PDB file of N, CA and C in Angstrom:
ATOM      1  N   MET A   1      17.156 229.484 -98.233  1.00  0.00           N
ATOM      2  CA  MET A   1      18.056 228.226 -98.485  1.00  0.00           C
ATOM      3  C   MET A   1      19.182 228.270 -97.457  1.00  0.00           C
ATOM      4  N   LYS A   2      19.762 229.401 -97.153  1.00  0.00           N
ATOM      5  CA  LYS A   2      20.829 229.538 -96.155  1.00  0.00           C
ATOM      6  C   LYS A   2      20.280 229.105 -94.826  1.00  0.00           C
ATOM      7  N   LYS A   3      19.050 229.487 -94.479  1.00  0.00           N
ATOM      8  CA  LYS A   3      18.590 229.241 -93.188  1.00  0.00           C
ATOM      9  C   LYS A   3      18.351 227.631 -93.044  1.00  0.00           C
ATOM     10  N   ALA A   4      17.938 227.031 -93.960  1.00  0.00           N
ATOM     11  CA  ALA A   4      17.688 225.644 -93.984  1.00  0.00           C
ATOM     12  C   ALA A   4      19.037 224.816 -93.786  1.00  0.00           C
ATOM     13  N   ILE A   5      19.971 225.223 -94.447  1.00  0.00           N
ATOM     14  CA  ILE A   5      21.391 224.649 -94.301  1.00  0.00           C
ATOM     15  C   ILE A   5      21.993 224.791 -92.909  1.00  0.00           C
ATOM     16  N   ALA A   6      21.752 225.983 -92.310  1.00  0.00           N
ATOM     17  CA  ALA A   6      22.158 226.345 -91.068  1.00  0.00           C
ATOM     18  C   ALA A   6      21.542 225.440 -90.014  1.00  0.00           C
ATOM     19  N   ILE A   7      20.173 225.222 -90.181  1.00  0.00           N
ATOM     20  CA  ILE A   7      19.432 224.475 -89.238  1.00  0.00           C
ATOM     21  C   ILE A   7      19.914 223.051 -89.260  1.00  0.00           C
ATOM     22  N   VAL A   8      20.140 222.512 -90.444  1.00  0.00           N
ATOM     23  CA  VAL A   8      20.649 221.075 -90.654  1.00  0.00           C
ATOM     24  C   VAL A   8      21.893 221.028 -89.943  1.00  0.00           C
ATOM     25  N   LEU A   9      22.802 221.983 -90.038  1.00  0.00           N
ATOM     26  CA  LEU A   9      24.220 221.897 -89.480  1.00  0.00           C
ATOM     27  C   LEU A   9      24.171 221.861 -87.931  1.00  0.00           C
ATOM     28  N   VAL A  10      23.186 222.771 -87.395  1.00  0.00           N
ATOM     29  CA  VAL A  10      23.035 222.758 -86.054  1.00  0.00           C
ATOM     30  C   VAL A  10      22.482 221.439 -85.399  1.00  0.00           C
ATOM     31  N   ALA A  11      21.530 220.857 -86.152  1.00  0.00           N
ATOM     32  CA  ALA A  11      20.917 219.576 -85.729  1.00  0.00           C
ATOM     33  C   ALA A  11      22.019 218.590 -85.798  1.00  0.00           C
ATOM     34  N   VAL A  12      22.808 218.423 -86.734  1.00  0.00           N
ATOM     35  CA  VAL A  12      23.905 217.578 -86.897  1.00  0.00           C
ATOM     36  C   VAL A  12      24.848 217.636 -85.695  1.00  0.00           C
ATOM     37  N   GLY A  13      25.247 218.816 -85.416  1.00  0.00           N
ATOM     38  CA  GLY A  13      26.064 219.174 -84.356  1.00  0.00           C
ATOM     39  C   GLY A  13      25.556 218.723 -82.987  1.00  0.00           C
ATOM     40  N   LEU A  14      24.260 218.859 -82.807  1.00  0.00           N
ATOM     41  CA  LEU A  14      23.749 218.515 -81.556  1.00  0.00           C
ATOM     42  C   LEU A  14      23.644 217.102 -81.404  1.00  0.00           C
ATOM     43  N   SER A  15      23.387 216.242 -82.419  1.00  0.00           N
ATOM     44  CA  SER A  15      23.395 214.766 -82.287  1.00  0.00           C
ATOM     45  C   SER A  15      24.824 214.323 -81.973  1.00  0.00           C
ATOM     46  N   PHE A  16      25.816 214.809 -82.632  1.00  0.00           N
ATOM     47  CA  PHE A  16      27.259 214.471 -82.219  1.00  0.00           C
ATOM     48  C   PHE A  16      27.505 214.737 -80.711  1.00  0.00           C
ATOM     49  N   THR A  17      27.108 215.863 -80.268  1.00  0.00           N
ATOM     50  CA  THR A  17      27.436 216.249 -78.898  1.00  0.00           C
ATOM     51  C   THR A  17      26.646 215.386 -77.936  1.00  0.00           C
ATOM     52  N   ALA A  18      25.418 215.068 -78.168  1.00  0.00           N
ATOM     53  CA  ALA A  18      24.698 214.111 -77.354  1.00  0.00           C
ATOM     54  C   ALA A  18      25.250 212.823 -77.289  1.00  0.00           C
ATOM     55  N   LYS A  19      25.739 212.330 -78.381  1.00  0.00           N
ATOM     56  CA  LYS A  19      26.501 210.928 -78.396  1.00  0.00           C
ATOM     57  C   LYS A  19      27.676 211.033 -77.590  1.00  0.00           C
ATOM     58  N   ALA A  20      28.432 211.966 -77.652  1.00  0.00           N
ATOM     59  CA  ALA A  20      29.713 212.140 -77.073  1.00  0.00           C
ATOM     60  C   ALA A  20      29.490 212.154 -75.449  1.00  0.00           C
ATOM     61  N   GLN A  21      28.421 212.634 -74.964  1.00  0.00           N
ATOM     62  CA  GLN A  21      28.192 212.729 -73.571  1.00  0.00           C
ATOM     63  C   GLN A  21      27.775 211.372 -73.030  1.00  0.00           C
ATOM     64  N   ASN A  22      27.457 210.397 -73.884  1.00  0.00           N
ATOM     65  CA  ASN A  22      27.119 209.082 -73.395  1.00  0.00           C
ATOM     66  C   ASN A  22      28.115 208.072 -73.476  1.00  0.00           C
ATOM     67  N   ILE A  23      29.388 208.489 -73.820  1.00  0.00           N
ATOM     68  CA  ILE A  23      30.600 207.510 -73.864  1.00  0.00           C
ATOM     69  C   ILE A  23      31.123 207.378 -72.421  1.00  0.00           C
ATOM     70  N   LYS A  24      31.179 206.146 -72.055  1.00  0.00           N
ATOM     71  CA  LYS A  24      31.695 205.821 -70.677  1.00  0.00           C
ATOM     72  C   LYS A  24      33.173 205.255 -70.902  1.00  0.00           C
ATOM     73  N   THR A  25      34.015 205.356 -69.812  1.00  0.00           N
ATOM     74  CA  THR A  25      35.179 204.841 -69.926  1.00  0.00           C
ATOM     75  C   THR A  25      35.346 203.607 -68.926  1.00  0.00           C
ATOM     76  N   VAL A  26      36.015 202.539 -69.449  1.00  0.00           N
ATOM     77  CA  VAL A  26      36.175 201.333 -68.683  1.00  0.00           C
ATOM     78  C   VAL A  26      37.800 201.219 -68.401  1.00  0.00           C
ATOM     79  N   SER A  27      38.171 201.350 -67.216  1.00  0.00           N
ATOM     80  CA  SER A  27      39.575 201.530 -66.888  1.00  0.00           C
ATOM     81  C   SER A  27      40.057 200.013 -66.431  1.00  0.00           C
ATOM     82  N   LEU A  28      41.083 199.530 -67.187  1.00  0.00           N
ATOM     83  CA  LEU A  28      41.495 198.167 -66.761  1.00  0.00           C
ATOM     84  C   LEU A  28      43.156 198.328 -66.512  1.00  0.00           C
ATOM     85  N   GLU A  29      43.553 197.391 -65.672  1.00  0.00           N
ATOM     86  CA  GLU A  29      44.988 197.512 -65.261  1.00  0.00           C
ATOM     87  C   GLU A  29      45.673 196.078 -65.442  1.00  0.00           C
ATOM     88  N   GLN A  30      46.750 196.088 -66.046  1.00  0.00           N
ATOM     89  CA  GLN A  30      47.494 194.785 -66.275  1.00  0.00           C
ATOM     90  C   GLN A  30      48.673 194.926 -65.434  1.00  0.00           C
ATOM     91  N   THR A  31      48.918 193.634 -64.813  1.00  0.00           N
ATOM     92  CA  THR A  31      50.179 193.365 -64.131  1.00  0.00           C
ATOM     93  C   THR A  31      50.690 192.155 -64.920  1.00  0.00           C
ATOM     94  N   THR A  32      51.870 191.724 -64.404  1.00  0.00           N
ATOM     95  CA  THR A  32      52.525 190.599 -65.275  1.00  0.00           C
ATOM     96  C   THR A  32      51.637 189.414 -65.196  1.00  0.00           C
ATOM     97  N   GLY A  33      51.164 188.993 -66.460  1.00  0.00           N
ATOM     98  CA  GLY A  33      50.380 187.790 -66.724  1.00  0.00           C
ATOM     99  C   GLY A  33      48.979 187.877 -66.418  1.00  0.00           C
ATOM    100  N   GLU A  34      48.475 189.112 -66.059  1.00  0.00           N
ATOM    101  CA  GLU A  34      46.928 189.084 -65.668  1.00  0.00           C
ATOM    102  C   GLU A  34      46.412 190.451 -65.654  1.00  0.00           C
ATOM    103  N   PHE A  35      45.165 190.572 -65.832  1.00  0.00           N
ATOM    104  CA  PHE A  35      44.469 191.845 -65.594  1.00  0.00           C
ATOM    105  C   PHE A  35      44.013 191.847 -64.094  1.00  0.00           C
ATOM    106  N   THR A  36      44.026 192.914 -63.450  1.00  0.00           N
ATOM    107  CA  THR A  36      43.505 192.952 -62.124  1.00  0.00           C
ATOM    108  C   THR A  36      42.062 192.817 -61.915  1.00  0.00           C
ATOM    109  N   GLN A  37      41.329 193.241 -63.016  1.00  0.00           N
ATOM    110  CA  GLN A  37      39.830 193.074 -63.116  1.00  0.00           C
ATOM    111  C   GLN A  37      39.537 191.638 -63.834  1.00  0.00           C
ATOM    112  N   LYS A  38      39.026 190.709 -63.054  1.00  0.00           N
ATOM    113  CA  LYS A  38      38.798 189.371 -63.661  1.00  0.00           C
ATOM    114  C   LYS A  38      37.532 189.152 -64.326  1.00  0.00           C
ATOM    115  N   SER A  39      36.506 190.019 -64.187  1.00  0.00           N
ATOM    116  CA  SER A  39      35.374 189.925 -65.080  1.00  0.00           C
ATOM    117  C   SER A  39      34.756 191.382 -64.975  1.00  0.00           C
ATOM    118  N   ILE A  40      33.930 191.683 -65.957  1.00  0.00           N
ATOM    119  CA  ILE A  40      33.212 193.071 -66.069  1.00  0.00           C
ATOM    120  C   ILE A  40      31.762 192.795 -66.546  1.00  0.00           C
ATOM    121  N   THR A  41      30.822 193.540 -65.872  1.00  0.00           N
ATOM    122  CA  THR A  41      29.493 193.560 -66.396  1.00  0.00           C
ATOM    123  C   THR A  41      29.169 194.940 -66.724  1.00  0.00           C
ATOM    124  N   LEU A  42      28.644 195.161 -67.882  1.00  0.00           N
ATOM    125  CA  LEU A  42      28.281 196.574 -68.401  1.00  0.00           C
ATOM    126  C   LEU A  42      26.922 196.596 -69.006  1.00  0.00           C
ATOM    127  N   SER A  43      26.429 197.800 -69.040  1.00  0.00           N
ATOM    128  CA  SER A  43      25.177 197.983 -69.808  1.00  0.00           C
ATOM    129  C   SER A  43      25.444 198.185 -71.197  1.00  0.00           C
ATOM    130  N   GLU A  44      24.513 197.883 -72.027  1.00  0.00           N
ATOM    131  CA  GLU A  44      24.587 198.110 -73.572  1.00  0.00           C
ATOM    132  C   GLU A  44      24.969 199.540 -73.654  1.00  0.00           C
ATOM    133  N   GLY A  45      25.887 199.862 -74.642  1.00  0.00           N
ATOM    134  CA  GLY A  45      26.150 201.325 -74.697  1.00  0.00           C
ATOM    135  C   GLY A  45      27.535 201.525 -75.453  1.00  0.00           C
ATOM    136  N   THR A  46      28.025 202.743 -75.362  1.00  0.00           N
ATOM    137  CA  THR A  46      29.210 203.130 -76.109  1.00  0.00           C
ATOM    138  C   THR A  46      30.418 203.416 -75.025  1.00  0.00           C
ATOM    139  N   TYR A  47      31.536 202.837 -75.272  1.00  0.00           N
ATOM    140  CA  TYR A  47      32.666 202.883 -74.231  1.00  0.00           C
ATOM    141  C   TYR A  47      33.986 203.237 -74.933  1.00  0.00           C
ATOM    142  N   ILE A  48      34.913 203.590 -74.110  1.00  0.00           N
ATOM    143  CA  ILE A  48      36.264 203.537 -74.449  1.00  0.00           C
ATOM    144  C   ILE A  48      36.988 202.774 -73.355  1.00  0.00           C
ATOM    145  N   PHE A  49      37.986 202.067 -73.811  1.00  0.00           N
ATOM    146  CA  PHE A  49      38.749 201.238 -72.822  1.00  0.00           C
ATOM    147  C   PHE A  49      40.010 201.799 -72.633  1.00  0.00           C
ATOM    148  N   GLU A  50      40.360 202.131 -71.348  1.00  0.00           N
ATOM    149  CA  GLU A  50      41.519 202.647 -70.851  1.00  0.00           C
ATOM    150  C   GLU A  50      42.467 201.492 -70.180  1.00  0.00           C
ATOM    151  N   ILE A  51      43.558 201.229 -70.825  1.00  0.00           N
ATOM    152  CA  ILE A  51      44.452 200.257 -70.395  1.00  0.00           C
ATOM    153  C   ILE A  51      45.820 200.634 -69.726  1.00  0.00           C
ATOM    154  N   ALA A  52      45.884 200.258 -68.516  1.00  0.00           N
ATOM    155  CA  ALA A  52      47.126 200.826 -67.658  1.00  0.00           C
ATOM    156  C   ALA A  52      48.131 199.484 -67.636  1.00  0.00           C
ATOM    157  N   ASN A  53      49.421 199.844 -67.883  1.00  0.00           N
ATOM    158  CA  ASN A  53      50.471 198.758 -67.696  1.00  0.00           C
ATOM    159  C   ASN A  53      51.156 199.113 -66.492  1.00  0.00           C
ATOM    160  N   LYS A  54      50.998 198.200 -65.499  1.00  0.00           N
ATOM    161  CA  LYS A  54      51.570 198.504 -64.096  1.00  0.00           C
ATOM    162  C   LYS A  54      52.801 197.539 -63.861  1.00  0.00           C
ATOM    163  N   ASN A  55      53.954 197.991 -64.150  1.00  0.00           N
ATOM    164  CA  ASN A  55      55.258 197.497 -63.909  1.00  0.00           C
ATOM    165  C   ASN A  55      55.454 196.343 -64.759  1.00  0.00           C
ATOM    166  N   ILE A  56      54.938 196.227 -65.947  1.00  0.00           N
ATOM    167  CA  ILE A  56      55.330 195.058 -66.836  1.00  0.00           C
ATOM    168  C   ILE A  56      56.445 195.669 -67.691  1.00  0.00           C
ATOM    169  N   ASP A  57      57.508 194.931 -67.775  1.00  0.00           N
ATOM    170  CA  ASP A  57      58.702 195.493 -68.301  1.00  0.00           C
ATOM    171  C   ASP A  57      58.641 195.472 -69.850  1.00  0.00           C
ATOM    172  N   HIS A  58      57.562 195.344 -70.495  1.00  0.00           N
ATOM    173  CA  HIS A  58      57.458 195.489 -71.988  1.00  0.00           C
ATOM    174  C   HIS A  58      56.013 196.135 -72.331  1.00  0.00           C
ATOM    175  N   GLU A  59      55.825 196.430 -73.514  1.00  0.00           N
ATOM    176  CA  GLU A  59      54.490 196.968 -73.933  1.00  0.00           C
ATOM    177  C   GLU A  59      53.305 195.889 -73.989  1.00  0.00           C
ATOM    178  N   VAL A  60      52.312 196.352 -73.705  1.00  0.00           N
ATOM    179  CA  VAL A  60      51.048 195.498 -73.621  1.00  0.00           C
ATOM    180  C   VAL A  60      50.004 196.104 -74.594  1.00  0.00           C
ATOM    181  N   GLY A  61      48.815 195.299 -74.845  1.00  0.00           N
ATOM    182  CA  GLY A  61      47.774 195.745 -75.458  1.00  0.00           C
ATOM    183  C   GLY A  61      46.503 195.343 -74.913  1.00  0.00           C
ATOM    184  N   PHE A  62      45.523 195.284 -75.717  1.00  0.00           N
ATOM    185  CA  PHE A  62      44.140 194.783 -75.239  1.00  0.00           C
ATOM    186  C   PHE A  62      43.313 194.177 -76.459  1.00  0.00           C
ATOM    187  N   VAL A  63      42.730 193.158 -76.212  1.00  0.00           N
ATOM    188  CA  VAL A  63      41.812 192.566 -77.315  1.00  0.00           C
ATOM    189  C   VAL A  63      40.439 192.281 -76.631  1.00  0.00           C
ATOM    190  N   LEU A  64      39.493 192.697 -77.367  1.00  0.00           N
ATOM    191  CA  LEU A  64      38.001 192.324 -77.084  1.00  0.00           C
ATOM    192  C   LEU A  64      37.409 191.565 -78.103  1.00  0.00           C
ATOM    193  N   ALA A  65      36.764 190.443 -77.910  1.00  0.00           N
ATOM    194  CA  ALA A  65      36.247 189.698 -78.914  1.00  0.00           C
ATOM    195  C   ALA A  65      34.917 188.984 -78.473  1.00  0.00           C
ATOM    196  N   PRO A  66      33.934 188.513 -79.287  1.00  0.00           N
ATOM    197  CA  PRO A  66      32.882 187.832 -78.927  1.00  0.00           C
ATOM    198  C   PRO A  66      33.325 186.537 -78.154  1.00  0.00           C
ATOM    199  N   LYS A  67      32.515 186.043 -77.054  1.00  0.00           N
ATOM    200  CA  LYS A  67      32.999 184.866 -76.412  1.00  0.00           C
ATOM    201  C   LYS A  67      33.143 183.664 -77.392  1.00  0.00           C
ATOM    202  N   GLY A  68      34.178 182.921 -77.187  1.00  0.00           N
ATOM    203  CA  GLY A  68      34.457 181.657 -77.973  1.00  0.00           C
ATOM    204  C   GLY A  68      35.045 182.029 -79.304  1.00  0.00           C
ATOM    205  N   LYS A  69      35.398 183.180 -79.532  1.00  0.00           N
ATOM    206  CA  LYS A  69      35.945 183.642 -80.847  1.00  0.00           C
ATOM    207  C   LYS A  69      37.137 184.472 -80.604  1.00  0.00           C
ATOM    208  N   PRO A  70      38.339 183.904 -80.052  1.00  0.00           N
ATOM    209  CA  PRO A  70      39.495 184.741 -79.803  1.00  0.00           C
ATOM    210  C   PRO A  70      40.346 185.011 -80.913  1.00  0.00           C
ATOM    211  N   GLU A  71      40.038 184.325 -81.997  1.00  0.00           N
ATOM    212  CA  GLU A  71      40.924 184.508 -83.386  1.00  0.00           C
ATOM    213  C   GLU A  71      40.839 186.057 -83.754  1.00  0.00           C
ATOM    214  N   ALA A  72      41.976 186.490 -84.417  1.00  0.00           N
ATOM    215  CA  ALA A  72      42.135 187.786 -84.712  1.00  0.00           C
ATOM    216  C   ALA A  72      40.976 188.270 -85.728  1.00  0.00           C
ATOM    217  N   LYS A  73      40.510 187.477 -86.588  1.00  0.00           N
ATOM    218  CA  LYS A  73      39.429 187.883 -87.467  1.00  0.00           C
ATOM    219  C   LYS A  73      38.161 188.258 -86.720  1.00  0.00           C
ATOM    220  N   HIS A  74      38.090 187.846 -85.470  1.00  0.00           N
ATOM    221  CA  HIS A  74      36.732 188.162 -84.740  1.00  0.00           C
ATOM    222  C   HIS A  74      36.983 189.219 -83.846  1.00  0.00           C
ATOM    223  N   HIS A  75      38.232 189.800 -83.591  1.00  0.00           N
ATOM    224  CA  HIS A  75      38.567 190.856 -82.678  1.00  0.00           C
ATOM    225  C   HIS A  75      37.688 192.225 -82.966  1.00  0.00           C
ATOM    226  N   ILE A  76      37.240 192.926 -81.923  1.00  0.00           N
ATOM    227  CA  ILE A  76      36.624 194.182 -82.252  1.00  0.00           C
ATOM    228  C   ILE A  76      37.787 195.218 -82.220  1.00  0.00           C
ATOM    229  N   LYS A  77      38.015 195.558 -83.534  1.00  0.00           N
ATOM    230  CA  LYS A  77      39.254 196.375 -83.852  1.00  0.00           C
ATOM    231  C   LYS A  77      39.225 197.738 -83.135  1.00  0.00           C
ATOM    232  N   SER A  78      38.033 198.325 -82.945  1.00  0.00           N
ATOM    233  CA  SER A  78      37.959 199.601 -82.358  1.00  0.00           C
ATOM    234  C   SER A  78      38.292 199.569 -80.885  1.00  0.00           C
ATOM    235  N   ALA A  79      38.343 198.319 -80.267  1.00  0.00           N
ATOM    236  CA  ALA A  79      38.698 198.249 -78.774  1.00  0.00           C
ATOM    237  C   ALA A  79      40.207 198.131 -78.725  1.00  0.00           C
ATOM    238  N   TYR A  80      40.976 197.875 -79.747  1.00  0.00           N
ATOM    239  CA  TYR A  80      42.410 197.925 -79.583  1.00  0.00           C
ATOM    240  C   TYR A  80      42.872 199.287 -79.013  1.00  0.00           C
ATOM    241  N   VAL A  81      43.826 199.325 -78.221  1.00  0.00           N
ATOM    242  CA  VAL A  81      44.534 200.541 -77.728  1.00  0.00           C
ATOM    243  C   VAL A  81      45.071 201.156 -78.969  1.00  0.00           C
ATOM    244  N   THR A  82      45.016 202.501 -79.005  1.00  0.00           N
ATOM    245  CA  THR A  82      45.478 203.304 -80.332  1.00  0.00           C
ATOM    246  C   THR A  82      47.077 203.084 -80.504  1.00  0.00           C
ATOM    247  N   LYS A  83      47.795 202.884 -79.403  1.00  0.00           N
ATOM    248  CA  LYS A  83      49.254 202.435 -79.514  1.00  0.00           C
ATOM    249  C   LYS A  83      49.534 201.509 -78.375  1.00  0.00           C
ATOM    250  N   PRO A  84      50.592 200.713 -78.507  1.00  0.00           N
ATOM    251  CA  PRO A  84      51.035 199.833 -77.399  1.00  0.00           C
ATOM    252  C   PRO A  84      51.272 200.479 -76.122  1.00  0.00           C
ATOM    253  N   VAL A  85      50.906 199.986 -74.896  1.00  0.00           N
ATOM    254  CA  VAL A  85      50.951 200.592 -73.738  1.00  0.00           C
ATOM    255  C   VAL A  85      52.224 200.235 -73.045  1.00  0.00           C
ATOM    256  N   ALA A  86      53.109 201.286 -72.934  1.00  0.00           N
ATOM    257  CA  ALA A  86      54.405 201.236 -72.259  1.00  0.00           C
ATOM    258  C   ALA A  86      54.390 201.007 -70.835  1.00  0.00           C
ATOM    259  N   THR A  87      55.566 200.539 -70.270  1.00  0.00           N
ATOM    260  CA  THR A  87      55.632 200.352 -68.805  1.00  0.00           C
ATOM    261  C   THR A  87      55.105 201.568 -68.090  1.00  0.00           C
ATOM    262  N   ASN A  88      54.297 201.370 -67.066  1.00  0.00           N
ATOM    263  CA  ASN A  88      53.789 202.277 -66.137  1.00  0.00           C
ATOM    264  C   ASN A  88      53.153 203.599 -66.924  1.00  0.00           C
ATOM    265  N   SER A  89      52.465 203.204 -67.997  1.00  0.00           N
ATOM    266  CA  SER A  89      51.610 204.289 -68.666  1.00  0.00           C
ATOM    267  C   SER A  89      50.179 203.742 -68.998  1.00  0.00           C
ATOM    268  N   THR A  90      49.384 204.524 -69.590  1.00  0.00           N
ATOM    269  CA  THR A  90      48.055 204.223 -69.937  1.00  0.00           C
ATOM    270  C   THR A  90      47.769 204.678 -71.215  1.00  0.00           C
ATOM    271  N   GLU A  91      47.079 203.903 -72.030  1.00  0.00           N
ATOM    272  CA  GLU A  91      46.541 204.252 -73.394  1.00  0.00           C
ATOM    273  C   GLU A  91      45.099 203.885 -73.477  1.00  0.00           C
ATOM    274  N   SER A  92      44.327 204.444 -74.593  1.00  0.00           N
ATOM    275  CA  SER A  92      42.952 204.190 -74.650  1.00  0.00           C
ATOM    276  C   SER A  92      42.633 203.719 -75.981  1.00  0.00           C
ATOM    277  N   SER A  93      41.459 202.916 -76.109  1.00  0.00           N
ATOM    278  CA  SER A  93      40.916 202.398 -77.338  1.00  0.00           C
ATOM    279  C   SER A  93      40.193 203.698 -78.088  1.00  0.00           C
ATOM    280  N   LYS A  94      39.658 203.311 -79.266  1.00  0.00           N
ATOM    281  CA  LYS A  94      38.772 204.225 -79.920  1.00  0.00           C
ATOM    282  C   LYS A  94      37.514 203.853 -79.269  1.00  0.00           C
ATOM    283  N   ILE A  95      36.373 204.480 -79.806  1.00  0.00           N
ATOM    284  CA  ILE A  95      34.994 204.388 -79.286  1.00  0.00           C
ATOM    285  C   ILE A  95      34.485 202.968 -79.710  1.00  0.00           C
ATOM    286  N   VAL A  96      33.832 202.275 -78.798  1.00  0.00           N
ATOM    287  CA  VAL A  96      33.302 200.971 -79.014  1.00  0.00           C
ATOM    288  C   VAL A  96      31.856 200.832 -78.670  1.00  0.00           C
ATOM    289  N   ASP A  97      30.953 200.537 -79.624  1.00  0.00           N
ATOM    290  CA  ASP A  97      29.627 200.242 -79.333  1.00  0.00           C
ATOM    291  C   ASP A  97      29.473 198.813 -79.015  1.00  0.00           C
ATOM    292  N   LEU A  98      28.847 198.602 -77.727  1.00  0.00           N
ATOM    293  CA  LEU A  98      28.723 197.174 -77.274  1.00  0.00           C
ATOM    294  C   LEU A  98      27.293 196.911 -77.115  1.00  0.00           C
ATOM    295  N   LYS A  99      26.855 195.723 -77.829  1.00  0.00           N
ATOM    296  CA  LYS A  99      25.419 195.205 -77.783  1.00  0.00           C
ATOM    297  C   LYS A  99      25.371 194.127 -76.706  1.00  0.00           C
ATOM    298  N   LYS A 100      24.227 193.845 -76.275  1.00  0.00           N
ATOM    299  CA  LYS A 100      24.089 192.753 -75.298  1.00  0.00           C
ATOM    300  C   LYS A 100      24.754 191.441 -75.740  1.00  0.00           C
ATOM    301  N   GLY A 101      25.385 190.861 -74.819  1.00  0.00           N
ATOM    302  CA  GLY A 101      25.974 189.453 -75.108  1.00  0.00           C
ATOM    303  C   GLY A 101      27.177 189.286 -74.295  1.00  0.00           C
ATOM    304  N   GLU A 102      27.861 188.190 -74.591  1.00  0.00           N
ATOM    305  CA  GLU A 102      29.127 187.834 -73.807  1.00  0.00           C
ATOM    306  C   GLU A 102      30.371 187.954 -74.750  1.00  0.00           C
ATOM    307  N   TYR A 103      31.368 188.605 -74.018  1.00  0.00           N
ATOM    308  CA  TYR A 103      32.611 188.889 -74.711  1.00  0.00           C
ATOM    309  C   TYR A 103      33.857 188.368 -73.866  1.00  0.00           C
ATOM    310  N   ILE A 104      34.946 188.323 -74.443  1.00  0.00           N
ATOM    311  CA  ILE A 104      36.093 188.059 -73.694  1.00  0.00           C
ATOM    312  C   ILE A 104      37.225 189.173 -73.994  1.00  0.00           C
ATOM    313  N   TYR A 105      37.996 189.360 -72.970  1.00  0.00           N
ATOM    314  CA  TYR A 105      39.142 190.323 -73.176  1.00  0.00           C
ATOM    315  C   TYR A 105      40.354 189.784 -72.699  1.00  0.00           C
ATOM    316  N   PHE A 106      41.501 190.062 -73.326  1.00  0.00           N
ATOM    317  CA  PHE A 106      42.792 189.510 -73.013  1.00  0.00           C
ATOM    318  C   PHE A 106      43.891 190.284 -73.573  1.00  0.00           C
ATOM    319  N   CYS A 107      45.120 189.968 -73.194  1.00  0.00           N
ATOM    320  CA  CYS A 107      46.377 190.575 -73.790  1.00  0.00           C
ATOM    321  C   CYS A 107      47.211 189.553 -74.274  1.00  0.00           C
ATOM    322  N   PRO A 108      47.490 189.297 -75.641  1.00  0.00           N
ATOM    323  CA  PRO A 108      48.426 188.382 -76.063  1.00  0.00           C
ATOM    324  C   PRO A 108      49.843 188.781 -75.966  1.00  0.00           C
ATOM    325  N   LEU A 109      50.089 189.988 -75.579  1.00  0.00           N
ATOM    326  CA  LEU A 109      51.518 190.491 -75.466  1.00  0.00           C
ATOM    327  C   LEU A 109      51.937 190.328 -73.989  1.00  0.00           C
ATOM    328  N   ASN A 110      51.029 190.212 -73.072  1.00  0.00           N
ATOM    329  CA  ASN A 110      51.495 190.009 -71.580  1.00  0.00           C
ATOM    330  C   ASN A 110      51.959 188.744 -71.290  1.00  0.00           C
ATOM    331  N   PRO A 111      51.522 187.557 -71.698  1.00  0.00           N
ATOM    332  CA  PRO A 111      50.081 187.287 -71.988  1.00  0.00           C
ATOM    333  C   PRO A 111      49.298 186.976 -70.789  1.00  0.00           C
ATOM    334  N   THR A 112      47.914 187.192 -71.026  1.00  0.00           N
ATOM    335  CA  THR A 112      46.987 186.946 -69.965  1.00  0.00           C
ATOM    336  C   THR A 112      45.904 185.834 -70.327  1.00  0.00           C
ATOM    337  N   PRO A 113      45.221 185.348 -69.186  1.00  0.00           N
ATOM    338  CA  PRO A 113      44.057 184.582 -69.603  1.00  0.00           C
ATOM    339  C   PRO A 113      43.085 185.319 -70.324  1.00  0.00           C
ATOM    340  N   GLN A 114      42.036 184.569 -70.797  1.00  0.00           N
ATOM    341  CA  GLN A 114      40.782 185.227 -71.410  1.00  0.00           C
ATOM    342  C   GLN A 114      39.879 185.534 -70.229  1.00  0.00           C
ATOM    343  N   TYR A 115      39.350 186.712 -69.999  1.00  0.00           N
ATOM    344  CA  TYR A 115      38.370 187.077 -69.102  1.00  0.00           C
ATOM    345  C   TYR A 115      37.046 187.450 -69.665  1.00  0.00           C
ATOM    346  N   THR A 116      36.079 187.350 -68.865  1.00  0.00           N
ATOM    347  CA  THR A 116      34.663 187.573 -69.325  1.00  0.00           C
ATOM    348  C   THR A 116      34.193 188.995 -69.156  1.00  0.00           C
ATOM    349  N   LEU A 117      33.541 189.608 -70.212  1.00  0.00           N
ATOM    350  CA  LEU A 117      32.867 190.743 -70.213  1.00  0.00           C
ATOM    351  C   LEU A 117      31.432 190.503 -70.584  1.00  0.00           C
ATOM    352  N   ILE A 118      30.466 190.841 -69.662  1.00  0.00           N
ATOM    353  CA  ILE A 118      29.126 190.609 -70.083  1.00  0.00           C
ATOM    354  C   ILE A 118      28.418 191.987 -70.336  1.00  0.00           C
ATOM    355  N   VAL A 119      27.644 192.100 -71.359  1.00  0.00           N
ATOM    356  CA  VAL A 119      26.840 193.338 -71.712  1.00  0.00           C
ATOM    357  C   VAL A 119      25.370 192.935 -71.530  1.00  0.00           C
ATOM    358  N   GLN A 120      24.741 193.646 -70.540  1.00  0.00           N
ATOM    359  CA  GLN A 120      23.297 193.326 -70.236  1.00  0.00           C
ATOM    360  C   GLN A 120      22.309 194.368 -70.861  1.00  0.00           C
TER     361      GLN A 120
END
């Protein structure tokens, strides 16, 4: 019985390790009133968003939502940065699984326009 439990634990550990290796980082930079990246095209997969605040004199954030649904109830909450991004610093989101489709990203604190993110 002990060997069976050990084998299951090893198998579970391997699946978590394999998934962690497939996480990609998307780095985005905000300046006053805009993102420097105006559109993004990604493959379907697992991502972390890294948001940089470049010389904006207040904290900023990051919102990702399905195209045409900018309202808070549609936001992909795991894409929010884990804490507001202070001037000249960088913060990251949690892990986000993106499926094929069109999304928008923006910052209501900066504020910025809504930009397009396409997942193919």
